[in-house]
Protein backbone atom coordinates (compact mmCIF):
# COMPACT_ATOMS: atom_id res chain seq x y z
CA UNK A 1 0.00 0.00 0.00
CA UNK A 2 1.46 3.37 -1.06
CA UNK A 3 1.07 5.63 1.97
CA UNK A 4 4.09 7.88 1.42
CA UNK A 5 2.09 10.46 -0.54
CA UNK A 6 -0.49 10.70 2.23
CA UNK A 7 2.04 10.98 5.04
CA UNK A 8 4.14 13.58 3.24
CA UNK A 9 1.20 15.81 2.36
CA UNK A 10 -0.32 16.04 5.82
CA UNK A 11 2.93 16.29 7.78
CA UNK A 12 4.15 19.01 5.42
CA UNK A 13 1.03 21.05 6.22
CA UNK A 14 1.68 20.72 9.94
CA UNK A 15 5.28 21.82 9.54
CA UNK A 16 4.27 24.84 7.45
CA UNK A 17 1.72 25.97 10.03
CA UNK A 18 4.20 25.41 12.83
CA UNK A 19 6.93 27.36 11.09
CA UNK A 20 4.55 30.20 10.23
CA UNK A 21 3.72 30.46 13.91
CA UNK A 22 7.37 30.84 14.80
CA UNK A 23 7.76 27.56 16.66
CA UNK A 24 10.76 25.26 16.57
CA UNK A 25 9.94 21.91 15.02
CA UNK A 26 12.65 19.67 16.47
CA UNK A 27 10.90 19.04 19.81
CA UNK A 28 7.26 19.62 18.90
CA UNK A 29 7.07 17.29 15.91
CA UNK A 30 6.81 13.63 16.92
CA UNK A 31 7.59 10.62 14.77
CA UNK A 32 4.53 9.18 12.99
CA UNK A 33 2.78 6.26 14.68
CA UNK A 34 1.05 3.67 12.49
CA UNK A 35 -1.56 1.04 13.33
CA UNK A 36 -4.38 -0.92 11.72
CA UNK A 37 -7.93 -0.47 13.03
CA UNK A 38 -10.31 -3.40 13.42
CA UNK A 39 -12.13 -2.56 10.17
CA UNK A 40 -8.85 -2.75 8.23
CA UNK A 41 -8.16 0.98 7.89
CA UNK A 42 -4.52 2.00 8.23
CA UNK A 43 -4.16 4.85 10.75
CA UNK A 44 -1.09 7.10 10.77
CA UNK A 45 -0.74 9.79 13.44
CA UNK A 46 1.92 12.50 13.62
CA UNK A 47 1.69 14.73 16.68
CA UNK A 48 2.89 18.34 16.53
CA UNK A 49 2.26 20.06 19.86
CA UNK A 50 2.92 23.50 18.43
CA UNK A 51 0.57 23.27 15.46
CA UNK A 52 -2.45 25.53 15.70
CA UNK A 53 -4.76 23.01 14.02
CA UNK A 54 -5.32 19.34 13.40
CA UNK A 55 -5.19 18.04 9.85
CA UNK A 56 -6.56 14.79 8.51
CA UNK A 57 -6.39 13.09 5.15
CA UNK A 58 -8.46 10.06 4.24
CA UNK A 59 -6.93 8.44 1.20
CA UNK A 60 -8.67 5.89 -1.03
CA UNK A 61 -5.53 3.98 -1.99
CA UNK A 62 -7.32 2.11 -4.80
CA UNK A 63 -7.53 5.36 -6.76
CA UNK A 64 -3.74 5.44 -7.12
CA UNK A 65 -3.92 2.75 -9.79
CA UNK A 66 -4.73 4.36 -13.15
CA UNK A 67 -7.04 2.56 -15.55
CA UNK A 68 -8.13 4.09 -18.85
CA UNK A 69 -11.54 2.44 -18.63
CA UNK A 70 -12.14 4.05 -15.23
CA UNK A 71 -10.59 7.44 -15.98
CA UNK A 72 -13.91 9.15 -16.69
CA UNK A 73 -15.74 7.88 -13.63
CA UNK A 74 -12.72 8.77 -11.49
CA UNK A 75 -12.56 12.37 -12.73
CA UNK A 76 -16.32 12.94 -12.42
CA UNK A 77 -16.38 11.23 -9.02
CA UNK A 78 -13.55 13.47 -7.77
CA UNK A 79 -15.48 16.54 -8.83
CA UNK A 80 -18.77 15.26 -7.41
CA UNK A 81 -17.25 14.39 -4.04
CA UNK A 82 -15.42 17.72 -3.74
CA UNK A 83 -18.57 19.70 -4.58
CA UNK A 84 -20.62 17.79 -2.01
CA UNK A 85 -18.00 17.97 0.76
CA UNK A 86 -17.40 21.67 0.21
CA UNK A 87 -21.16 22.30 0.37
CA UNK A 88 -21.30 20.69 3.82
CA UNK A 89 -19.44 23.68 5.24
CA UNK A 90 -17.50 21.54 7.71
CA UNK A 91 -13.98 22.29 6.50
CA UNK A 92 -13.90 19.24 4.22
CA UNK A 93 -12.66 19.01 0.64
CA UNK A 94 -11.62 16.30 -1.82
CA UNK A 95 -8.75 16.06 -4.26
CA UNK A 96 -6.71 13.31 -5.89
CA UNK A 97 -4.96 13.02 -2.51
CA UNK A 98 -8.23 12.10 -0.79
CA UNK A 99 -10.60 13.79 1.67
CA UNK A 100 -8.93 16.65 3.49
CA UNK A 101 -9.86 18.14 6.85
CA UNK A 102 -8.37 21.07 8.78
CA UNK A 103 -9.82 22.27 12.05
CA UNK A 104 -8.96 23.47 15.54
CA UNK A 105 -8.17 20.81 18.15
CA UNK A 106 -11.38 21.36 20.11
CA UNK A 107 -13.49 20.80 16.98
CA UNK A 108 -11.57 17.85 15.57
CA UNK A 109 -13.69 15.05 17.04
CA UNK A 110 -16.95 16.39 15.60
CA UNK A 111 -15.33 17.24 12.26
CA UNK A 112 -13.90 13.73 11.96
CA UNK A 113 -17.29 12.23 12.82
CA UNK A 114 -18.87 14.41 10.12
CA UNK A 115 -16.38 13.14 7.57
CA UNK A 116 -17.06 9.50 8.41
CA UNK A 117 -20.83 10.02 8.56
CA UNK A 118 -20.59 11.24 4.98
CA UNK A 119 -18.36 8.50 3.58
CA UNK A 120 -20.34 5.79 5.35
CA UNK A 121 -23.56 6.91 3.64
CA UNK A 122 -22.83 9.30 0.74
CA UNK A 123 -25.75 10.75 -1.15
CA UNK A 124 -24.99 10.58 -4.86
CA UNK A 125 -28.02 11.70 -6.85
CA UNK A 126 -28.71 12.45 -10.50
CA UNK A 127 -28.81 16.22 -10.00
CA UNK A 128 -25.36 16.29 -8.39
CA UNK A 129 -23.99 13.96 -11.08
CA UNK A 130 -25.23 16.25 -13.87
CA UNK A 131 -23.57 19.20 -12.12
CA UNK A 132 -20.27 17.37 -11.70
CA UNK A 133 -20.27 16.22 -15.33
CA UNK A 134 -20.90 19.80 -16.44
CA UNK A 135 -17.97 21.03 -14.35
CA UNK A 136 -15.60 18.48 -15.91
CA UNK A 137 -16.87 19.30 -19.41
CA UNK A 138 -16.31 23.00 -18.80
CA UNK A 139 -12.68 22.33 -17.85
CA UNK A 140 -12.19 20.15 -20.94
CA UNK A 141 -13.56 22.87 -23.23
CA UNK A 142 -11.54 25.58 -21.51
CA UNK A 143 -8.43 23.37 -21.62
CA UNK A 144 -7.45 24.75 -18.23
CA UNK A 145 -6.91 21.38 -16.58
CA UNK A 146 -5.24 18.16 -17.67
CA UNK A 147 -7.41 15.10 -18.30
CA UNK A 148 -6.42 11.70 -19.70
CA UNK A 149 -7.38 11.14 -23.35
CA UNK A 150 -10.07 8.69 -22.23
CA UNK A 151 -11.94 11.52 -20.51
CA UNK A 152 -13.92 13.29 -23.20
CA UNK A 153 -17.38 14.57 -24.02
CA UNK A 154 -18.56 11.18 -25.29
CA UNK A 155 -17.34 9.17 -22.28
CA UNK A 156 -18.83 11.70 -19.86
CA UNK A 157 -22.21 11.56 -21.61
CA UNK A 158 -22.28 7.76 -21.20
CA UNK A 159 -21.46 7.86 -17.47
CA UNK A 160 -24.38 6.89 -15.22
CA UNK A 161 -25.17 7.19 -11.53
CA UNK A 162 -24.85 3.41 -11.30
CA UNK A 163 -21.26 3.72 -12.58
CA UNK A 164 -20.44 6.24 -9.86
CA UNK A 165 -21.98 4.12 -7.12
CA UNK A 166 -20.13 1.02 -8.33
CA UNK A 167 -16.84 2.93 -8.41
CA UNK A 168 -17.33 4.21 -4.87
CA UNK A 169 -18.16 0.73 -3.61
CA UNK A 170 -14.91 -0.47 -5.17
CA UNK A 171 -12.59 2.17 -3.67
CA UNK A 172 -14.22 2.56 -0.24
CA UNK A 173 -13.16 -0.83 1.12
CA UNK A 174 -11.71 0.06 4.59
CA UNK A 175 -8.75 -2.24 3.95
CA UNK A 176 -7.75 0.11 1.11
CA UNK A 177 -8.16 3.30 3.13
CA UNK A 178 -5.40 5.22 4.91
CA UNK A 179 -6.39 7.82 7.50
CA UNK A 180 -3.56 10.19 8.37
CA UNK A 181 -3.92 12.61 11.28
CA UNK A 182 -1.35 15.27 12.07
CA UNK A 183 -1.21 18.29 14.31
CA UNK A 184 -1.96 19.25 17.87
CA UNK A 185 -3.44 15.95 19.04
CA UNK A 186 -1.85 12.98 20.82
CA UNK A 187 -1.81 9.55 19.16
CA UNK A 188 -4.01 8.09 21.93
CA UNK A 189 -6.68 10.77 21.55
CA UNK A 190 -6.55 10.70 17.74
CA UNK A 191 -6.93 6.92 17.66
CA UNK A 192 -9.85 7.10 20.10
CA UNK A 193 -11.58 9.73 17.95
CA UNK A 194 -10.96 7.68 14.79
CA UNK A 195 -12.47 4.53 16.31
CA UNK A 196 -15.50 6.47 17.55
CA UNK A 197 -15.99 8.17 14.18
CA UNK A 198 -15.90 4.87 12.31
CA UNK A 199 -18.43 3.25 14.68
CA UNK A 200 -20.80 6.20 15.13
CA UNK A 201 -24.23 6.15 13.51
CA UNK A 202 -25.23 9.82 13.54
CA UNK A 203 -26.32 11.33 10.18
CA UNK A 204 -23.87 13.79 8.66
CA UNK A 205 -26.39 16.66 8.72
CA UNK A 206 -26.87 16.34 12.50
CA UNK A 207 -23.12 16.42 13.07
CA UNK A 208 -22.69 19.41 10.76
CA UNK A 209 -25.17 21.40 12.83
CA UNK A 210 -23.12 20.66 15.96
CA UNK A 211 -19.88 21.58 14.17
CA UNK A 212 -21.24 24.86 12.82
CA UNK A 213 -22.72 25.89 16.17
CA UNK A 214 -19.40 25.28 17.90
CA UNK A 215 -17.66 27.57 15.41
CA UNK A 216 -20.03 30.54 15.84
C-alpha atoms as a PDB file:
ATOM      1  CA  UNK A   1       0.000   0.000   0.000  1.00  0.00           C
ATOM      2  CA  UNK A   2       1.464   3.368  -1.059  1.00  0.00           C
ATOM      3  CA  UNK A   3       1.075   5.633   1.974  1.00  0.00           C
ATOM      4  CA  UNK A   4       4.095   7.879   1.421  1.00  0.00           C
ATOM      5  CA  UNK A   5       2.092  10.460  -0.541  1.00  0.00           C
ATOM      6  CA  UNK A   6      -0.495  10.697   2.229  1.00  0.00           C
ATOM      7  CA  UNK A   7       2.043  10.978   5.041  1.00  0.00           C
ATOM      8  CA  UNK A   8       4.145  13.583   3.239  1.00  0.00           C
ATOM      9  CA  UNK A   9       1.201  15.808   2.362  1.00  0.00           C
ATOM     10  CA  UNK A  10      -0.320  16.042   5.823  1.00  0.00           C
ATOM     11  CA  UNK A  11       2.926  16.289   7.783  1.00  0.00           C
ATOM     12  CA  UNK A  12       4.146  19.012   5.424  1.00  0.00           C
ATOM     13  CA  UNK A  13       1.032  21.047   6.224  1.00  0.00           C
ATOM     14  CA  UNK A  14       1.684  20.724   9.941  1.00  0.00           C
ATOM     15  CA  UNK A  15       5.277  21.823   9.540  1.00  0.00           C
ATOM     16  CA  UNK A  16       4.267  24.844   7.453  1.00  0.00           C
ATOM     17  CA  UNK A  17       1.722  25.966  10.030  1.00  0.00           C
ATOM     18  CA  UNK A  18       4.198  25.410  12.830  1.00  0.00           C
ATOM     19  CA  UNK A  19       6.931  27.360  11.091  1.00  0.00           C
ATOM     20  CA  UNK A  20       4.554  30.200  10.227  1.00  0.00           C
ATOM     21  CA  UNK A  21       3.716  30.457  13.915  1.00  0.00           C
ATOM     22  CA  UNK A  22       7.373  30.844  14.795  1.00  0.00           C
ATOM     23  CA  UNK A  23       7.764  27.559  16.663  1.00  0.00           C
ATOM     24  CA  UNK A  24      10.763  25.262  16.574  1.00  0.00           C
ATOM     25  CA  UNK A  25       9.939  21.907  15.018  1.00  0.00           C
ATOM     26  CA  UNK A  26      12.648  19.672  16.473  1.00  0.00           C
ATOM     27  CA  UNK A  27      10.895  19.042  19.811  1.00  0.00           C
ATOM     28  CA  UNK A  28       7.259  19.618  18.901  1.00  0.00           C
ATOM     29  CA  UNK A  29       7.072  17.293  15.907  1.00  0.00           C
ATOM     30  CA  UNK A  30       6.815  13.632  16.920  1.00  0.00           C
ATOM     31  CA  UNK A  31       7.593  10.619  14.769  1.00  0.00           C
ATOM     32  CA  UNK A  32       4.532   9.177  12.986  1.00  0.00           C
ATOM     33  CA  UNK A  33       2.782   6.257  14.678  1.00  0.00           C
ATOM     34  CA  UNK A  34       1.046   3.669  12.487  1.00  0.00           C
ATOM     35  CA  UNK A  35      -1.563   1.044  13.330  1.00  0.00           C
ATOM     36  CA  UNK A  36      -4.385  -0.916  11.719  1.00  0.00           C
ATOM     37  CA  UNK A  37      -7.926  -0.466  13.033  1.00  0.00           C
ATOM     38  CA  UNK A  38     -10.309  -3.396  13.420  1.00  0.00           C
ATOM     39  CA  UNK A  39     -12.131  -2.556  10.169  1.00  0.00           C
ATOM     40  CA  UNK A  40      -8.853  -2.751   8.235  1.00  0.00           C
ATOM     41  CA  UNK A  41      -8.160   0.979   7.894  1.00  0.00           C
ATOM     42  CA  UNK A  42      -4.519   2.004   8.226  1.00  0.00           C
ATOM     43  CA  UNK A  43      -4.160   4.845  10.745  1.00  0.00           C
ATOM     44  CA  UNK A  44      -1.092   7.101  10.773  1.00  0.00           C
ATOM     45  CA  UNK A  45      -0.740   9.785  13.442  1.00  0.00           C
ATOM     46  CA  UNK A  46       1.924  12.498  13.624  1.00  0.00           C
ATOM     47  CA  UNK A  47       1.689  14.731  16.679  1.00  0.00           C
ATOM     48  CA  UNK A  48       2.888  18.339  16.535  1.00  0.00           C
ATOM     49  CA  UNK A  49       2.262  20.061  19.859  1.00  0.00           C
ATOM     50  CA  UNK A  50       2.918  23.505  18.428  1.00  0.00           C
ATOM     51  CA  UNK A  51       0.573  23.274  15.462  1.00  0.00           C
ATOM     52  CA  UNK A  52      -2.453  25.531  15.699  1.00  0.00           C
ATOM     53  CA  UNK A  53      -4.762  23.011  14.019  1.00  0.00           C
ATOM     54  CA  UNK A  54      -5.323  19.336  13.400  1.00  0.00           C
ATOM     55  CA  UNK A  55      -5.190  18.039   9.848  1.00  0.00           C
ATOM     56  CA  UNK A  56      -6.564  14.789   8.510  1.00  0.00           C
ATOM     57  CA  UNK A  57      -6.389  13.094   5.146  1.00  0.00           C
ATOM     58  CA  UNK A  58      -8.463  10.057   4.238  1.00  0.00           C
ATOM     59  CA  UNK A  59      -6.928   8.438   1.196  1.00  0.00           C
ATOM     60  CA  UNK A  60      -8.668   5.894  -1.026  1.00  0.00           C
ATOM     61  CA  UNK A  61      -5.535   3.978  -1.992  1.00  0.00           C
ATOM     62  CA  UNK A  62      -7.318   2.107  -4.800  1.00  0.00           C
ATOM     63  CA  UNK A  63      -7.535   5.363  -6.764  1.00  0.00           C
ATOM     64  CA  UNK A  64      -3.738   5.437  -7.116  1.00  0.00           C
ATOM     65  CA  UNK A  65      -3.923   2.751  -9.788  1.00  0.00           C
ATOM     66  CA  UNK A  66      -4.732   4.361 -13.146  1.00  0.00           C
ATOM     67  CA  UNK A  67      -7.042   2.556 -15.552  1.00  0.00           C
ATOM     68  CA  UNK A  68      -8.129   4.088 -18.852  1.00  0.00           C
ATOM     69  CA  UNK A  69     -11.544   2.436 -18.626  1.00  0.00           C
ATOM     70  CA  UNK A  70     -12.143   4.049 -15.226  1.00  0.00           C
ATOM     71  CA  UNK A  71     -10.589   7.439 -15.977  1.00  0.00           C
ATOM     72  CA  UNK A  72     -13.910   9.150 -16.687  1.00  0.00           C
ATOM     73  CA  UNK A  73     -15.743   7.877 -13.631  1.00  0.00           C
ATOM     74  CA  UNK A  74     -12.722   8.773 -11.491  1.00  0.00           C
ATOM     75  CA  UNK A  75     -12.561  12.373 -12.729  1.00  0.00           C
ATOM     76  CA  UNK A  76     -16.320  12.938 -12.419  1.00  0.00           C
ATOM     77  CA  UNK A  77     -16.379  11.234  -9.023  1.00  0.00           C
ATOM     78  CA  UNK A  78     -13.550  13.467  -7.771  1.00  0.00           C
ATOM     79  CA  UNK A  79     -15.483  16.544  -8.828  1.00  0.00           C
ATOM     80  CA  UNK A  80     -18.765  15.258  -7.407  1.00  0.00           C
ATOM     81  CA  UNK A  81     -17.255  14.395  -4.035  1.00  0.00           C
ATOM     82  CA  UNK A  82     -15.425  17.718  -3.739  1.00  0.00           C
ATOM     83  CA  UNK A  83     -18.565  19.697  -4.577  1.00  0.00           C
ATOM     84  CA  UNK A  84     -20.624  17.789  -2.010  1.00  0.00           C
ATOM     85  CA  UNK A  85     -18.000  17.970   0.757  1.00  0.00           C
ATOM     86  CA  UNK A  86     -17.405  21.671   0.207  1.00  0.00           C
ATOM     87  CA  UNK A  87     -21.156  22.300   0.368  1.00  0.00           C
ATOM     88  CA  UNK A  88     -21.304  20.685   3.816  1.00  0.00           C
ATOM     89  CA  UNK A  89     -19.444  23.680   5.239  1.00  0.00           C
ATOM     90  CA  UNK A  90     -17.504  21.538   7.712  1.00  0.00           C
ATOM     91  CA  UNK A  91     -13.982  22.286   6.499  1.00  0.00           C
ATOM     92  CA  UNK A  92     -13.899  19.239   4.217  1.00  0.00           C
ATOM     93  CA  UNK A  93     -12.663  19.006   0.642  1.00  0.00           C
ATOM     94  CA  UNK A  94     -11.619  16.304  -1.817  1.00  0.00           C
ATOM     95  CA  UNK A  95      -8.747  16.062  -4.259  1.00  0.00           C
ATOM     96  CA  UNK A  96      -6.711  13.306  -5.889  1.00  0.00           C
ATOM     97  CA  UNK A  97      -4.958  13.021  -2.508  1.00  0.00           C
ATOM     98  CA  UNK A  98      -8.233  12.102  -0.786  1.00  0.00           C
ATOM     99  CA  UNK A  99     -10.597  13.786   1.667  1.00  0.00           C
ATOM    100  CA  UNK A 100      -8.928  16.651   3.486  1.00  0.00           C
ATOM    101  CA  UNK A 101      -9.859  18.139   6.848  1.00  0.00           C
ATOM    102  CA  UNK A 102      -8.373  21.070   8.779  1.00  0.00           C
ATOM    103  CA  UNK A 103      -9.824  22.271  12.050  1.00  0.00           C
ATOM    104  CA  UNK A 104      -8.958  23.469  15.544  1.00  0.00           C
ATOM    105  CA  UNK A 105      -8.172  20.808  18.150  1.00  0.00           C
ATOM    106  CA  UNK A 106     -11.377  21.360  20.108  1.00  0.00           C
ATOM    107  CA  UNK A 107     -13.487  20.803  16.980  1.00  0.00           C
ATOM    108  CA  UNK A 108     -11.567  17.853  15.575  1.00  0.00           C
ATOM    109  CA  UNK A 109     -13.685  15.051  17.038  1.00  0.00           C
ATOM    110  CA  UNK A 110     -16.946  16.394  15.600  1.00  0.00           C
ATOM    111  CA  UNK A 111     -15.330  17.240  12.260  1.00  0.00           C
ATOM    112  CA  UNK A 112     -13.896  13.726  11.965  1.00  0.00           C
ATOM    113  CA  UNK A 113     -17.293  12.230  12.818  1.00  0.00           C
ATOM    114  CA  UNK A 114     -18.871  14.413  10.123  1.00  0.00           C
ATOM    115  CA  UNK A 115     -16.379  13.144   7.566  1.00  0.00           C
ATOM    116  CA  UNK A 116     -17.064   9.498   8.415  1.00  0.00           C
ATOM    117  CA  UNK A 117     -20.828  10.019   8.563  1.00  0.00           C
ATOM    118  CA  UNK A 118     -20.595  11.239   4.980  1.00  0.00           C
ATOM    119  CA  UNK A 119     -18.356   8.501   3.576  1.00  0.00           C
ATOM    120  CA  UNK A 120     -20.344   5.786   5.351  1.00  0.00           C
ATOM    121  CA  UNK A 121     -23.557   6.914   3.642  1.00  0.00           C
ATOM    122  CA  UNK A 122     -22.828   9.297   0.741  1.00  0.00           C
ATOM    123  CA  UNK A 123     -25.751  10.747  -1.150  1.00  0.00           C
ATOM    124  CA  UNK A 124     -24.993  10.577  -4.860  1.00  0.00           C
ATOM    125  CA  UNK A 125     -28.021  11.698  -6.848  1.00  0.00           C
ATOM    126  CA  UNK A 126     -28.713  12.452 -10.499  1.00  0.00           C
ATOM    127  CA  UNK A 127     -28.812  16.219 -10.001  1.00  0.00           C
ATOM    128  CA  UNK A 128     -25.360  16.285  -8.394  1.00  0.00           C
ATOM    129  CA  UNK A 129     -23.993  13.955 -11.078  1.00  0.00           C
ATOM    130  CA  UNK A 130     -25.227  16.246 -13.866  1.00  0.00           C
ATOM    131  CA  UNK A 131     -23.574  19.204 -12.120  1.00  0.00           C
ATOM    132  CA  UNK A 132     -20.266  17.374 -11.705  1.00  0.00           C
ATOM    133  CA  UNK A 133     -20.272  16.219 -15.332  1.00  0.00           C
ATOM    134  CA  UNK A 134     -20.903  19.797 -16.442  1.00  0.00           C
ATOM    135  CA  UNK A 135     -17.975  21.025 -14.350  1.00  0.00           C
ATOM    136  CA  UNK A 136     -15.598  18.483 -15.906  1.00  0.00           C
ATOM    137  CA  UNK A 137     -16.865  19.296 -19.407  1.00  0.00           C
ATOM    138  CA  UNK A 138     -16.312  22.996 -18.796  1.00  0.00           C
ATOM    139  CA  UNK A 139     -12.679  22.326 -17.850  1.00  0.00           C
ATOM    140  CA  UNK A 140     -12.192  20.154 -20.942  1.00  0.00           C
ATOM    141  CA  UNK A 141     -13.563  22.867 -23.233  1.00  0.00           C
ATOM    142  CA  UNK A 142     -11.540  25.578 -21.509  1.00  0.00           C
ATOM    143  CA  UNK A 143      -8.426  23.373 -21.622  1.00  0.00           C
ATOM    144  CA  UNK A 144      -7.447  24.747 -18.227  1.00  0.00           C
ATOM    145  CA  UNK A 145      -6.905  21.381 -16.583  1.00  0.00           C
ATOM    146  CA  UNK A 146      -5.244  18.158 -17.672  1.00  0.00           C
ATOM    147  CA  UNK A 147      -7.413  15.100 -18.295  1.00  0.00           C
ATOM    148  CA  UNK A 148      -6.420  11.700 -19.705  1.00  0.00           C
ATOM    149  CA  UNK A 149      -7.383  11.143 -23.347  1.00  0.00           C
ATOM    150  CA  UNK A 150     -10.068   8.688 -22.234  1.00  0.00           C
ATOM    151  CA  UNK A 151     -11.937  11.515 -20.509  1.00  0.00           C
ATOM    152  CA  UNK A 152     -13.924  13.292 -23.198  1.00  0.00           C
ATOM    153  CA  UNK A 153     -17.385  14.566 -24.020  1.00  0.00           C
ATOM    154  CA  UNK A 154     -18.560  11.179 -25.286  1.00  0.00           C
ATOM    155  CA  UNK A 155     -17.340   9.172 -22.282  1.00  0.00           C
ATOM    156  CA  UNK A 156     -18.830  11.701 -19.861  1.00  0.00           C
ATOM    157  CA  UNK A 157     -22.207  11.557 -21.614  1.00  0.00           C
ATOM    158  CA  UNK A 158     -22.279   7.762 -21.201  1.00  0.00           C
ATOM    159  CA  UNK A 159     -21.456   7.859 -17.472  1.00  0.00           C
ATOM    160  CA  UNK A 160     -24.376   6.891 -15.224  1.00  0.00           C
ATOM    161  CA  UNK A 161     -25.165   7.185 -11.530  1.00  0.00           C
ATOM    162  CA  UNK A 162     -24.847   3.411 -11.298  1.00  0.00           C
ATOM    163  CA  UNK A 163     -21.260   3.717 -12.584  1.00  0.00           C
ATOM    164  CA  UNK A 164     -20.441   6.237  -9.861  1.00  0.00           C
ATOM    165  CA  UNK A 165     -21.981   4.115  -7.120  1.00  0.00           C
ATOM    166  CA  UNK A 166     -20.127   1.017  -8.335  1.00  0.00           C
ATOM    167  CA  UNK A 167     -16.838   2.927  -8.412  1.00  0.00           C
ATOM    168  CA  UNK A 168     -17.332   4.205  -4.873  1.00  0.00           C
ATOM    169  CA  UNK A 169     -18.161   0.730  -3.608  1.00  0.00           C
ATOM    170  CA  UNK A 170     -14.908  -0.474  -5.166  1.00  0.00           C
ATOM    171  CA  UNK A 171     -12.592   2.168  -3.672  1.00  0.00           C
ATOM    172  CA  UNK A 172     -14.221   2.557  -0.245  1.00  0.00           C
ATOM    173  CA  UNK A 173     -13.156  -0.827   1.122  1.00  0.00           C
ATOM    174  CA  UNK A 174     -11.709   0.058   4.586  1.00  0.00           C
ATOM    175  CA  UNK A 175      -8.751  -2.243   3.945  1.00  0.00           C
ATOM    176  CA  UNK A 176      -7.750   0.112   1.107  1.00  0.00           C
ATOM    177  CA  UNK A 177      -8.161   3.304   3.128  1.00  0.00           C
ATOM    178  CA  UNK A 178      -5.400   5.219   4.908  1.00  0.00           C
ATOM    179  CA  UNK A 179      -6.391   7.817   7.502  1.00  0.00           C
ATOM    180  CA  UNK A 180      -3.557  10.191   8.370  1.00  0.00           C
ATOM    181  CA  UNK A 181      -3.919  12.611  11.280  1.00  0.00           C
ATOM    182  CA  UNK A 182      -1.346  15.270  12.067  1.00  0.00           C
ATOM    183  CA  UNK A 183      -1.210  18.295  14.311  1.00  0.00           C
ATOM    184  CA  UNK A 184      -1.961  19.255  17.870  1.00  0.00           C
ATOM    185  CA  UNK A 185      -3.439  15.955  19.041  1.00  0.00           C
ATOM    186  CA  UNK A 186      -1.852  12.981  20.818  1.00  0.00           C
ATOM    187  CA  UNK A 187      -1.814   9.546  19.161  1.00  0.00           C
ATOM    188  CA  UNK A 188      -4.009   8.094  21.932  1.00  0.00           C
ATOM    189  CA  UNK A 189      -6.680  10.774  21.547  1.00  0.00           C
ATOM    190  CA  UNK A 190      -6.548  10.700  17.739  1.00  0.00           C
ATOM    191  CA  UNK A 191      -6.930   6.921  17.664  1.00  0.00           C
ATOM    192  CA  UNK A 192      -9.851   7.105  20.102  1.00  0.00           C
ATOM    193  CA  UNK A 193     -11.580   9.734  17.946  1.00  0.00           C
ATOM    194  CA  UNK A 194     -10.964   7.680  14.786  1.00  0.00           C
ATOM    195  CA  UNK A 195     -12.470   4.529  16.309  1.00  0.00           C
ATOM    196  CA  UNK A 196     -15.496   6.466  17.550  1.00  0.00           C
ATOM    197  CA  UNK A 197     -15.992   8.166  14.179  1.00  0.00           C
ATOM    198  CA  UNK A 198     -15.904   4.865  12.313  1.00  0.00           C
ATOM    199  CA  UNK A 199     -18.426   3.255  14.682  1.00  0.00           C
ATOM    200  CA  UNK A 200     -20.801   6.196  15.132  1.00  0.00           C
ATOM    201  CA  UNK A 201     -24.231   6.150  13.507  1.00  0.00           C
ATOM    202  CA  UNK A 202     -25.233   9.823  13.535  1.00  0.00           C
ATOM    203  CA  UNK A 203     -26.319  11.327  10.181  1.00  0.00           C
ATOM    204  CA  UNK A 204     -23.869  13.794   8.662  1.00  0.00           C
ATOM    205  CA  UNK A 205     -26.387  16.657   8.724  1.00  0.00           C
ATOM    206  CA  UNK A 206     -26.869  16.342  12.497  1.00  0.00           C
ATOM    207  CA  UNK A 207     -23.124  16.416  13.071  1.00  0.00           C
ATOM    208  CA  UNK A 208     -22.685  19.410  10.755  1.00  0.00           C
ATOM    209  CA  UNK A 209     -25.172  21.399  12.833  1.00  0.00           C
ATOM    210  CA  UNK A 210     -23.119  20.663  15.960  1.00  0.00           C
ATOM    211  CA  UNK A 211     -19.884  21.583  14.168  1.00  0.00           C
ATOM    212  CA  UNK A 212     -21.236  24.862  12.823  1.00  0.00           C
ATOM    213  CA  UNK A 213     -22.723  25.894  16.174  1.00  0.00           C
ATOM    214  CA  UNK A 214     -19.403  25.282  17.901  1.00  0.00           C
ATOM    215  CA  UNK A 215     -17.659  27.568  15.408  1.00  0.00           C
ATOM    216  CA  UNK A 216     -20.027  30.540  15.838  1.00  0.00           C
END
